[in-house]
Amino acid sequence: MTKTLIRAGMAAVCISIVASAVSAGPISTACMKSNRRAANTALCSCIQQVADNTLAGADQRRASTFFRDPDKAQKVFLSQNRADDAFWARYKAFGAKAEQTCSG
């Protein structure tokens, strides 16, 4: 009986660790590393959830670089490149949805 309880407890811990790792996407990770006063686990996780629902993985990785280097976002915004314009439209929609969803 005790071994069964120990195994069940260990399984729960393993599942919890795996679930945490899965939810920590590029946006959430960049958000937490940003050293902004408002950054916290709940907010960054919420923003990541919105990103998961609105941005492809490549877009998430690209957008996550804006946390470290906001000038990159400005360059993309000012770019005359069609691919950058398309990305910016997706990024802008993501930002609006994240603000609506996560600003509580």
PDB file of N, CA and C in Angstrom:
ATOM      1  N   MET A   1       0.822  -1.190   0.000  1.00  0.00           N
ATOM      2  CA  MET A   1       0.000   0.000   0.000  1.00  0.00           C
ATOM      3  C   MET A   1       0.865   1.252   0.000  1.00  0.00           C
ATOM      4  N   THR A   2       1.877   1.298   0.865  1.00  0.00           N
ATOM      5  CA  THR A   2       2.757   2.460   0.971  1.00  0.00           C
ATOM      6  C   THR A   2       3.518   2.676  -0.333  1.00  0.00           C
ATOM      7  N   LYS A   3       4.001   1.578  -0.943  1.00  0.00           N
ATOM      8  CA  LYS A   3       4.717   1.696  -2.214  1.00  0.00           C
ATOM      9  C   LYS A   3       3.800   2.270  -3.294  1.00  0.00           C
ATOM     10  N   THR A   4       2.545   1.886  -3.280  1.00  0.00           N
ATOM     11  CA  THR A   4       1.588   2.399  -4.255  1.00  0.00           C
ATOM     12  C   THR A   4       1.391   3.902  -4.074  1.00  0.00           C
ATOM     13  N   LEU A   5       1.285   4.335  -2.830  1.00  0.00           N
ATOM     14  CA  LEU A   5       1.122   5.764  -2.562  1.00  0.00           C
ATOM     15  C   LEU A   5       2.357   6.544  -2.970  1.00  0.00           C
ATOM     16  N   ILE A   6       3.520   5.994  -2.701  1.00  0.00           N
ATOM     17  CA  ILE A   6       4.765   6.655  -3.075  1.00  0.00           C
ATOM     18  C   ILE A   6       4.854   6.768  -4.591  1.00  0.00           C
ATOM     19  N   ARG A   7       4.527   5.706  -5.291  1.00  0.00           N
ATOM     20  CA  ARG A   7       4.560   5.729  -6.760  1.00  0.00           C
ATOM     21  C   ARG A   7       3.565   6.745  -7.305  1.00  0.00           C
ATOM     22  N   ALA A   8       2.388   6.795  -6.723  1.00  0.00           N
ATOM     23  CA  ALA A   8       1.379   7.760  -7.175  1.00  0.00           C
ATOM     24  C   ALA A   8       1.862   9.187  -6.940  1.00  0.00           C
ATOM     25  N   GLY A   9       2.480   9.413  -5.795  1.00  0.00           N
ATOM     26  CA  GLY A   9       3.020  10.744  -5.494  1.00  0.00           C
ATOM     27  C   GLY A   9       4.133  11.125  -6.450  1.00  0.00           C
ATOM     28  N   MET A  10       5.030  10.178  -6.738  1.00  0.00           N
ATOM     29  CA  MET A  10       6.117  10.435  -7.674  1.00  0.00           C
ATOM     30  C   MET A  10       5.581  10.706  -9.064  1.00  0.00           C
ATOM     31  N   ALA A  11       4.562   9.972  -9.467  1.00  0.00           N
ATOM     32  CA  ALA A  11       3.952  10.186 -10.779  1.00  0.00           C
ATOM     33  C   ALA A  11       3.339  11.578 -10.857  1.00  0.00           C
ATOM     34  N   ALA A  12       2.687  12.020  -9.798  1.00  0.00           N
ATOM     35  CA  ALA A  12       2.082  13.351  -9.781  1.00  0.00           C
ATOM     36  C   ALA A  12       3.145  14.430  -9.893  1.00  0.00           C
ATOM     37  N   VAL A  13       4.260  14.244  -9.206  1.00  0.00           N
ATOM     38  CA  VAL A  13       5.360  15.210  -9.278  1.00  0.00           C
ATOM     39  C   VAL A  13       5.928  15.247 -10.695  1.00  0.00           C
ATOM     40  N   CYS A  14       6.131  14.095 -11.297  1.00  0.00           N
ATOM     41  CA  CYS A  14       6.663  14.034 -12.666  1.00  0.00           C
ATOM     42  C   CYS A  14       5.717  14.719 -13.654  1.00  0.00           C
ATOM     43  N   ILE A  15       4.435  14.477 -13.523  1.00  0.00           N
ATOM     44  CA  ILE A  15       3.453  15.101 -14.404  1.00  0.00           C
ATOM     45  C   ILE A  15       3.474  16.616 -14.217  1.00  0.00           C
ATOM     46  N   SER A  16       3.575  17.055 -12.993  1.00  0.00           N
ATOM     47  CA  SER A  16       3.620  18.486 -12.696  1.00  0.00           C
ATOM     48  C   SER A  16       4.845  19.142 -13.327  1.00  0.00           C
ATOM     49  N   ILE A  17       5.989  18.490 -13.238  1.00  0.00           N
ATOM     50  CA  ILE A  17       7.222  19.029 -13.817  1.00  0.00           C
ATOM     51  C   ILE A  17       7.104  19.097 -15.334  1.00  0.00           C
ATOM     52  N   VAL A  18       6.599  18.058 -15.950  1.00  0.00           N
ATOM     53  CA  VAL A  18       6.439  18.047 -17.398  1.00  0.00           C
ATOM     54  C   VAL A  18       5.445  19.120 -17.832  1.00  0.00           C
ATOM     55  N   ALA A  19       4.351  19.279 -17.124  1.00  0.00           N
ATOM     56  CA  ALA A  19       3.361  20.299 -17.470  1.00  0.00           C
ATOM     57  C   ALA A  19       3.948  21.698 -17.369  1.00  0.00           C
ATOM     58  N   SER A  20       4.769  21.961 -16.373  1.00  0.00           N
ATOM     59  CA  SER A  20       5.413  23.267 -16.240  1.00  0.00           C
ATOM     60  C   SER A  20       6.343  23.534 -17.401  1.00  0.00           C
ATOM     61  N   ALA A  21       7.112  22.532 -17.778  1.00  0.00           N
ATOM     62  CA  ALA A  21       8.056  22.707 -18.869  1.00  0.00           C
ATOM     63  C   ALA A  21       7.343  22.963 -20.182  1.00  0.00           C
ATOM     64  N   VAL A  22       6.222  22.293 -20.394  1.00  0.00           N
ATOM     65  CA  VAL A  22       5.476  22.453 -21.625  1.00  0.00           C
ATOM     66  C   VAL A  22       4.871  23.853 -21.709  1.00  0.00           C
ATOM     67  N   SER A  23       4.381  24.401 -20.600  1.00  0.00           N
ATOM     68  CA  SER A  23       3.718  25.696 -20.642  1.00  0.00           C
ATOM     69  C   SER A  23       4.698  26.852 -20.744  1.00  0.00           C
ATOM     70  N   ALA A  24       5.979  26.618 -20.514  1.00  0.00           N
ATOM     71  CA  ALA A  24       6.968  27.683 -20.582  1.00  0.00           C
ATOM     72  C   ALA A  24       7.476  27.811 -22.011  1.00  0.00           C
ATOM     73  N   GLY A  25       6.704  28.523 -22.824  1.00  0.00           N
ATOM     74  CA  GLY A  25       7.094  28.749 -24.210  1.00  0.00           C
ATOM     75  C   GLY A  25       8.012  29.947 -24.339  1.00  0.00           C
ATOM     76  N   PRO A  26       8.367  30.287 -25.569  1.00  0.00           N
ATOM     77  CA  PRO A  26       9.329  31.373 -25.783  1.00  0.00           C
ATOM     78  C   PRO A  26       8.841  32.738 -25.297  1.00  0.00           C
ATOM     79  N   ILE A  27       7.562  33.015 -25.421  1.00  0.00           N
ATOM     80  CA  ILE A  27       7.023  34.302 -24.969  1.00  0.00           C
ATOM     81  C   ILE A  27       7.064  34.372 -23.445  1.00  0.00           C
ATOM     82  N   SER A  28       6.596  33.329 -22.788  1.00  0.00           N
ATOM     83  CA  SER A  28       6.593  33.288 -21.329  1.00  0.00           C
ATOM     84  C   SER A  28       8.007  33.397 -20.766  1.00  0.00           C
ATOM     85  N   THR A  29       8.931  32.671 -21.348  1.00  0.00           N
ATOM     86  CA  THR A  29      10.318  32.705 -20.901  1.00  0.00           C
ATOM     87  C   THR A  29      10.907  34.102 -21.058  1.00  0.00           C
ATOM     88  N   ALA A  30      10.691  34.713 -22.219  1.00  0.00           N
ATOM     89  CA  ALA A  30      11.209  36.067 -22.458  1.00  0.00           C
ATOM     90  C   ALA A  30      10.557  37.070 -21.524  1.00  0.00           C
ATOM     91  N   CYS A  31       9.277  36.912 -21.285  1.00  0.00           N
ATOM     92  CA  CYS A  31       8.542  37.786 -20.374  1.00  0.00           C
ATOM     93  C   CYS A  31       9.143  37.720 -18.969  1.00  0.00           C
ATOM     94  N   MET A  32       9.385  36.525 -18.475  1.00  0.00           N
ATOM     95  CA  MET A  32       9.926  36.364 -17.123  1.00  0.00           C
ATOM     96  C   MET A  32      11.356  36.898 -17.011  1.00  0.00           C
ATOM     97  N   LYS A  33      12.118  36.814 -18.083  1.00  0.00           N
ATOM     98  CA  LYS A  33      13.502  37.285 -18.074  1.00  0.00           C
ATOM     99  C   LYS A  33      13.614  38.785 -18.342  1.00  0.00           C
ATOM    100  N   SER A  34      12.513  39.434 -18.628  1.00  0.00           N
ATOM    101  CA  SER A  34      12.543  40.828 -19.068  1.00  0.00           C
ATOM    102  C   SER A  34      12.860  41.824 -17.967  1.00  0.00           C
ATOM    103  N   ASN A  35      12.781  41.414 -16.724  1.00  0.00           N
ATOM    104  CA  ASN A  35      13.041  42.302 -15.580  1.00  0.00           C
ATOM    105  C   ASN A  35      12.096  43.494 -15.529  1.00  0.00           C
ATOM    106  N   ARG A  36      10.913  43.350 -16.094  1.00  0.00           N
ATOM    107  CA  ARG A  36       9.909  44.403 -15.976  1.00  0.00           C
ATOM    108  C   ARG A  36       9.157  44.196 -14.668  1.00  0.00           C
ATOM    109  N   ARG A  37       8.784  45.287 -14.030  1.00  0.00           N
ATOM    110  CA  ARG A  37       8.115  45.193 -12.727  1.00  0.00           C
ATOM    111  C   ARG A  37       6.825  44.385 -12.794  1.00  0.00           C
ATOM    112  N   ALA A  38       6.079  44.506 -13.871  1.00  0.00           N
ATOM    113  CA  ALA A  38       4.786  43.824 -13.973  1.00  0.00           C
ATOM    114  C   ALA A  38       4.922  42.336 -14.286  1.00  0.00           C
ATOM    115  N   ALA A  39       6.097  41.894 -14.702  1.00  0.00           N
ATOM    116  CA  ALA A  39       6.280  40.489 -15.086  1.00  0.00           C
ATOM    117  C   ALA A  39       6.150  39.581 -13.871  1.00  0.00           C
ATOM    118  N   ASN A  40       5.257  38.611 -13.979  1.00  0.00           N
ATOM    119  CA  ASN A  40       5.108  37.577 -12.956  1.00  0.00           C
ATOM    120  C   ASN A  40       4.635  36.313 -13.651  1.00  0.00           C
ATOM    121  N   THR A  41       4.676  35.227 -12.940  1.00  0.00           N
ATOM    122  CA  THR A  41       4.353  33.939 -13.545  1.00  0.00           C
ATOM    123  C   THR A  41       2.953  33.915 -14.135  1.00  0.00           C
ATOM    124  N   ALA A  42       1.982  34.439 -13.420  1.00  0.00           N
ATOM    125  CA  ALA A  42       0.595  34.403 -13.902  1.00  0.00           C
ATOM    126  C   ALA A  42       0.438  35.219 -15.181  1.00  0.00           C
ATOM    127  N   LEU A  43       0.975  36.424 -15.196  1.00  0.00           N
ATOM    128  CA  LEU A  43       0.843  37.284 -16.375  1.00  0.00           C
ATOM    129  C   LEU A  43       1.590  36.691 -17.562  1.00  0.00           C
ATOM    130  N   CYS A  44       2.825  36.280 -17.359  1.00  0.00           N
ATOM    131  CA  CYS A  44       3.620  35.730 -18.455  1.00  0.00           C
ATOM    132  C   CYS A  44       3.013  34.436 -18.998  1.00  0.00           C
ATOM    133  N   SER A  45       2.440  33.619 -18.126  1.00  0.00           N
ATOM    134  CA  SER A  45       1.767  32.390 -18.572  1.00  0.00           C
ATOM    135  C   SER A  45       0.521  32.719 -19.381  1.00  0.00           C
ATOM    136  N   CYS A  46      -0.218  33.731 -18.950  1.00  0.00           N
ATOM    137  CA  CYS A  46      -1.406  34.150 -19.689  1.00  0.00           C
ATOM    138  C   CYS A  46      -1.024  34.619 -21.089  1.00  0.00           C
ATOM    139  N   ILE A  47       0.010  35.445 -21.165  1.00  0.00           N
ATOM    140  CA  ILE A  47       0.461  35.946 -22.466  1.00  0.00           C
ATOM    141  C   ILE A  47       0.911  34.786 -23.350  1.00  0.00           C
ATOM    142  N   GLN A  48       1.581  33.798 -22.759  1.00  0.00           N
ATOM    143  CA  GLN A  48       2.002  32.624 -23.525  1.00  0.00           C
ATOM    144  C   GLN A  48       0.800  31.850 -24.048  1.00  0.00           C
ATOM    145  N   GLN A  49      -0.236  31.708 -23.232  1.00  0.00           N
ATOM    146  CA  GLN A  49      -1.438  31.001 -23.677  1.00  0.00           C
ATOM    147  C   GLN A  49      -2.066  31.702 -24.870  1.00  0.00           C
ATOM    148  N   VAL A  50      -2.112  33.028 -24.832  1.00  0.00           N
ATOM    149  CA  VAL A  50      -2.646  33.782 -25.966  1.00  0.00           C
ATOM    150  C   VAL A  50      -1.749  33.564 -27.186  1.00  0.00           C
ATOM    151  N   ALA A  51      -0.447  33.591 -26.977  1.00  0.00           N
ATOM    152  CA  ALA A  51       0.485  33.354 -28.086  1.00  0.00           C
ATOM    153  C   ALA A  51       0.268  31.968 -28.686  1.00  0.00           C
ATOM    154  N   ASP A  52       0.063  30.973 -27.836  1.00  0.00           N
ATOM    155  CA  ASP A  52      -0.168  29.613 -28.327  1.00  0.00           C
ATOM    156  C   ASP A  52      -1.412  29.532 -29.197  1.00  0.00           C
ATOM    157  N   ASN A  53      -2.386  30.383 -28.913  1.00  0.00           N
ATOM    158  CA  ASN A  53      -3.643  30.373 -29.668  1.00  0.00           C
ATOM    159  C   ASN A  53      -3.632  31.283 -30.885  1.00  0.00           C
ATOM    160  N   THR A  54      -2.650  32.182 -30.978  1.00  0.00           N
ATOM    161  CA  THR A  54      -2.695  33.163 -32.070  1.00  0.00           C
ATOM    162  C   THR A  54      -1.453  33.197 -32.953  1.00  0.00           C
ATOM    163  N   LEU A  55      -0.321  32.715 -32.459  1.00  0.00           N
ATOM    164  CA  LEU A  55       0.926  32.795 -33.223  1.00  0.00           C
ATOM    165  C   LEU A  55       1.535  31.417 -33.448  1.00  0.00           C
ATOM    166  N   ALA A  56       2.094  31.227 -34.622  1.00  0.00           N
ATOM    167  CA  ALA A  56       2.848  30.005 -34.907  1.00  0.00           C
ATOM    168  C   ALA A  56       4.148  30.035 -34.098  1.00  0.00           C
ATOM    169  N   GLY A  57       4.778  28.905 -33.990  1.00  0.00           N
ATOM    170  CA  GLY A  57       6.017  28.809 -33.220  1.00  0.00           C
ATOM    171  C   GLY A  57       7.099  29.774 -33.693  1.00  0.00           C
ATOM    172  N   ALA A  58       7.273  29.886 -34.998  1.00  0.00           N
ATOM    173  CA  ALA A  58       8.299  30.798 -35.531  1.00  0.00           C
ATOM    174  C   ALA A  58       7.973  32.242 -35.158  1.00  0.00           C
ATOM    175  N   ASP A  59       6.704  32.609 -35.227  1.00  0.00           N
ATOM    176  CA  ASP A  59       6.300  33.962 -34.840  1.00  0.00           C
ATOM    177  C   ASP A  59       6.529  34.190 -33.345  1.00  0.00           C
ATOM    178  N   GLN A  60       6.272  33.180 -32.531  1.00  0.00           N
ATOM    179  CA  GLN A  60       6.512  33.310 -31.091  1.00  0.00           C
ATOM    180  C   GLN A  60       7.993  33.526 -30.809  1.00  0.00           C
ATOM    181  N   ARG A  61       8.832  32.761 -31.477  1.00  0.00           N
ATOM    182  CA  ARG A  61      10.270  32.908 -31.259  1.00  0.00           C
ATOM    183  C   ARG A  61      10.746  34.294 -31.698  1.00  0.00           C
ATOM    184  N   ARG A  62      10.230  34.764 -32.815  1.00  0.00           N
ATOM    185  CA  ARG A  62      10.602  36.097 -33.294  1.00  0.00           C
ATOM    186  C   ARG A  62      10.108  37.177 -32.331  1.00  0.00           C
ATOM    187  N   ALA A  63       8.862  37.080 -31.921  1.00  0.00           N
ATOM    188  CA  ALA A  63       8.288  38.069 -31.004  1.00  0.00           C
ATOM    189  C   ALA A  63       9.001  38.060 -29.659  1.00  0.00           C
ATOM    190  N   SER A  64       9.456  36.907 -29.225  1.00  0.00           N
ATOM    191  CA  SER A  64      10.128  36.829 -27.919  1.00  0.00           C
ATOM    192  C   SER A  64      11.415  37.645 -27.905  1.00  0.00           C
ATOM    193  N   THR A  65      12.021  37.850 -29.059  1.00  0.00           N
ATOM    194  CA  THR A  65      13.257  38.642 -29.109  1.00  0.00           C
ATOM    195  C   THR A  65      12.983  40.122 -28.822  1.00  0.00           C
ATOM    196  N   PHE A  66      11.748  40.569 -28.969  1.00  0.00           N
ATOM    197  CA  PHE A  66      11.401  41.972 -28.715  1.00  0.00           C
ATOM    198  C   PHE A  66      11.508  42.317 -27.233  1.00  0.00           C
ATOM    199  N   PHE A  67      11.374  41.328 -26.363  1.00  0.00           N
ATOM    200  CA  PHE A  67      11.512  41.574 -24.924  1.00  0.00           C
ATOM    201  C   PHE A  67      12.944  41.997 -24.592  1.00  0.00           C
ATOM    202  N   ARG A  68      13.906  41.352 -25.242  1.00  0.00           N
ATOM    203  CA  ARG A  68      15.321  41.675 -25.014  1.00  0.00           C
ATOM    204  C   ARG A  68      15.739  42.930 -25.756  1.00  0.00           C
ATOM    205  N   ASP A  69      15.201  43.108 -26.949  1.00  0.00           N
ATOM    206  CA  ASP A  69      15.648  44.184 -27.824  1.00  0.00           C
ATOM    207  C   ASP A  69      14.440  44.874 -28.461  1.00  0.00           C
ATOM    208  N   PRO A  70      13.842  45.833 -27.760  1.00  0.00           N
ATOM    209  CA  PRO A  70      12.657  46.526 -28.293  1.00  0.00           C
ATOM    210  C   PRO A  70      12.927  47.242 -29.623  1.00  0.00           C
ATOM    211  N   ASP A  71      14.181  47.580 -29.889  1.00  0.00           N
ATOM    212  CA  ASP A  71      14.503  48.220 -31.168  1.00  0.00           C
ATOM    213  C   ASP A  71      14.219  47.292 -32.346  1.00  0.00           C
ATOM    214  N   LYS A  72      14.306  45.990 -32.114  1.00  0.00           N
ATOM    215  CA  LYS A  72      13.969  45.019 -33.162  1.00  0.00           C
ATOM    216  C   LYS A  72      12.523  45.175 -33.591  1.00  0.00           C
ATOM    217  N   ALA A  73      11.644  45.373 -32.633  1.00  0.00           N
ATOM    218  CA  ALA A  73      10.225  45.553 -32.954  1.00  0.00           C
ATOM    219  C   ALA A  73      10.039  46.801 -33.802  1.00  0.00           C
ATOM    220  N   GLN A  74      10.735  47.864 -33.457  1.00  0.00           N
ATOM    221  CA  GLN A  74      10.642  49.110 -34.219  1.00  0.00           C
ATOM    222  C   GLN A  74      11.110  48.909 -35.659  1.00  0.00           C
ATOM    223  N   LYS A  75      12.187  48.156 -35.829  1.00  0.00           N
ATOM    224  CA  LYS A  75      12.707  47.887 -37.174  1.00  0.00           C
ATOM    225  C   LYS A  75      11.706  47.097 -38.002  1.00  0.00           C
ATOM    226  N   VAL A  76      11.076  46.110 -37.392  1.00  0.00           N
ATOM    227  CA  VAL A  76      10.078  45.314 -38.109  1.00  0.00           C
ATOM    228  C   VAL A  76       8.884  46.189 -38.461  1.00  0.00           C
ATOM    229  N   PHE A  77       8.458  47.013 -37.525  1.00  0.00           N
ATOM    230  CA  PHE A  77       7.317  47.904 -37.742  1.00  0.00           C
ATOM    231  C   PHE A  77       7.582  48.865 -38.907  1.00  0.00           C
ATOM    232  N   LEU A  78       8.787  49.378 -38.992  1.00  0.00           N
ATOM    233  CA  LEU A  78       9.126  50.352 -40.036  1.00  0.00           C
ATOM    234  C   LEU A  78       9.526  49.707 -41.359  1.00  0.00           C
ATOM    235  N   SER A  79       9.743  48.418 -41.346  1.00  0.00           N
ATOM    236  CA  SER A  79      10.180  47.703 -42.543  1.00  0.00           C
ATOM    237  C   SER A  79       9.154  47.832 -43.667  1.00  0.00           C
ATOM    238  N   GLN A  80       9.652  47.840 -44.872  1.00  0.00           N
ATOM    239  CA  GLN A  80       8.780  47.862 -46.050  1.00  0.00           C
ATOM    240  C   GLN A  80       8.646  46.466 -46.665  1.00  0.00           C
ATOM    241  N   ASN A  81       9.154  45.472 -45.986  1.00  0.00           N
ATOM    242  CA  ASN A  81       9.148  44.095 -46.452  1.00  0.00           C
ATOM    243  C   ASN A  81       7.763  43.470 -46.239  1.00  0.00           C
ATOM    244  N   ARG A  82       7.250  42.783 -47.244  1.00  0.00           N
ATOM    245  CA  ARG A  82       5.915  42.153 -47.136  1.00  0.00           C
ATOM    246  C   ARG A  82       5.841  41.123 -46.008  1.00  0.00           C
ATOM    247  N   ALA A  83       6.887  40.333 -45.873  1.00  0.00           N
ATOM    248  CA  ALA A  83       6.900  39.314 -44.809  1.00  0.00           C
ATOM    249  C   ALA A  83       6.866  39.988 -43.435  1.00  0.00           C
ATOM    250  N   ASP A  84       7.622  41.067 -43.279  1.00  0.00           N
ATOM    251  CA  ASP A  84       7.602  41.800 -42.013  1.00  0.00           C
ATOM    252  C   ASP A  84       6.234  42.418 -41.758  1.00  0.00           C
ATOM    253  N   ASP A  85       5.614  42.951 -42.810  1.00  0.00           N
ATOM    254  CA  ASP A  85       4.274  43.533 -42.666  1.00  0.00           C
ATOM    255  C   ASP A  85       3.254  42.477 -42.238  1.00  0.00           C
ATOM    256  N   ALA A  86       3.343  41.293 -42.844  1.00  0.00           N
ATOM    257  CA  ALA A  86       2.427  40.209 -42.491  1.00  0.00           C
ATOM    258  C   ALA A  86       2.660  39.762 -41.044  1.00  0.00           C
ATOM    259  N   PHE A  87       3.931  39.627 -40.663  1.00  0.00           N
ATOM    260  CA  PHE A  87       4.248  39.272 -39.284  1.00  0.00           C
ATOM    261  C   PHE A  87       3.711  40.336 -38.338  1.00  0.00           C
ATOM    262  N   TRP A  88       3.921  41.605 -38.675  1.00  0.00           N
ATOM    263  CA  TRP A  88       3.490  42.690 -37.790  1.00  0.00           C
ATOM    264  C   TRP A  88       1.970  42.662 -37.589  1.00  0.00           C
ATOM    265  N   ALA A  89       1.230  42.345 -38.629  1.00  0.00           N
ATOM    266  CA  ALA A  89      -0.232  42.249 -38.494  1.00  0.00           C
ATOM    267  C   ALA A  89      -0.605  41.143 -37.511  1.00  0.00           C
ATOM    268  N   ARG A  90       0.062  39.998 -37.612  1.00  0.00           N
ATOM    269  CA  ARG A  90      -0.205  38.888 -36.679  1.00  0.00           C
ATOM    270  C   ARG A  90       0.218  39.267 -35.264  1.00  0.00           C
ATOM    271  N   TYR A  91       1.373  39.916 -35.146  1.00  0.00           N
ATOM    272  CA  TYR A  91       1.894  40.324 -33.847  1.00  0.00           C
ATOM    273  C   TYR A  91       0.977  41.355 -33.189  1.00  0.00           C
ATOM    274  N   LYS A  92       0.487  42.294 -33.968  1.00  0.00           N
ATOM    275  CA  LYS A  92      -0.416  43.329 -33.454  1.00  0.00           C
ATOM    276  C   LYS A  92      -1.723  42.701 -32.949  1.00  0.00           C
ATOM    277  N   ALA A  93      -2.256  41.737 -33.706  1.00  0.00           N
ATOM    278  CA  ALA A  93      -3.476  41.038 -33.281  1.00  0.00           C
ATOM    279  C   ALA A  93      -3.221  40.257 -31.989  1.00  0.00           C
ATOM    280  N   PHE A  94      -2.061  39.610 -31.902  1.00  0.00           N
ATOM    281  CA  PHE A  94      -1.681  38.900 -30.683  1.00  0.00           C
ATOM    282  C   PHE A  94      -1.611  39.861 -29.501  1.00  0.00           C
ATOM    283  N   GLY A  95      -0.962  41.003 -29.688  1.00  0.00           N
ATOM    284  CA  GLY A  95      -0.817  41.977 -28.620  1.00  0.00           C
ATOM    285  C   GLY A  95      -2.161  42.476 -28.117  1.00  0.00           C
ATOM    286  N   ALA A  96      -3.068  42.758 -29.050  1.00  0.00           N
ATOM    287  CA  ALA A  96      -4.394  43.229 -28.666  1.00  0.00           C
ATOM    288  C   ALA A  96      -5.157  42.163 -27.878  1.00  0.00           C
ATOM    289  N   LYS A  97      -5.054  40.916 -28.331  1.00  0.00           N
ATOM    290  CA  LYS A  97      -5.736  39.806 -27.653  1.00  0.00           C
ATOM    291  C   LYS A  97      -5.119  39.567 -26.276  1.00  0.00           C
ATOM    292  N   ALA A  98      -3.798  39.643 -26.177  1.00  0.00           N
ATOM    293  CA  ALA A  98      -3.126  39.444 -24.887  1.00  0.00           C
ATOM    294  C   ALA A  98      -3.513  40.541 -23.913  1.00  0.00           C
ATOM    295  N   GLU A  99      -3.585  41.762 -24.390  1.00  0.00           N
ATOM    296  CA  GLU A  99      -3.984  42.867 -23.510  1.00  0.00           C
ATOM    297  C   GLU A  99      -5.413  42.672 -23.023  1.00  0.00           C
ATOM    298  N   GLN A 100      -6.276  42.285 -23.934  1.00  0.00           N
ATOM    299  CA  GLN A 100      -7.688  42.063 -23.579  1.00  0.00           C
ATOM    300  C   GLN A 100      -7.843  40.907 -22.591  1.00  0.00           C
ATOM    301  N   THR A 101      -7.109  39.852 -22.808  1.00  0.00           N
ATOM    302  CA  THR A 101      -7.243  38.629 -22.019  1.00  0.00           C
ATOM    303  C   THR A 101      -6.499  38.692 -20.692  1.00  0.00           C
ATOM    304  N   CYS A 102      -5.333  39.285 -20.675  1.00  0.00           N
ATOM    305  CA  CYS A 102      -4.436  39.169 -19.522  1.00  0.00           C
ATOM    306  C   CYS A 102      -4.366  40.395 -18.632  1.00  0.00           C
ATOM    307  N   SER A 103      -5.022  41.470 -19.007  1.00  0.00           N
ATOM    308  CA  SER A 103      -4.890  42.693 -18.208  1.00  0.00           C
ATOM    309  C   SER A 103      -5.782  42.685 -16.973  1.00  0.00           C
ATOM    310  N   GLY A 104      -6.604  41.672 -16.856  1.00  0.00           N
ATOM    311  CA  GLY A 104      -7.407  41.401 -15.665  1.00  0.00           C
ATOM    312  C   GLY A 104      -8.210  42.497 -15.187  1.00  0.00           C
TER     313      GLY A 104
END
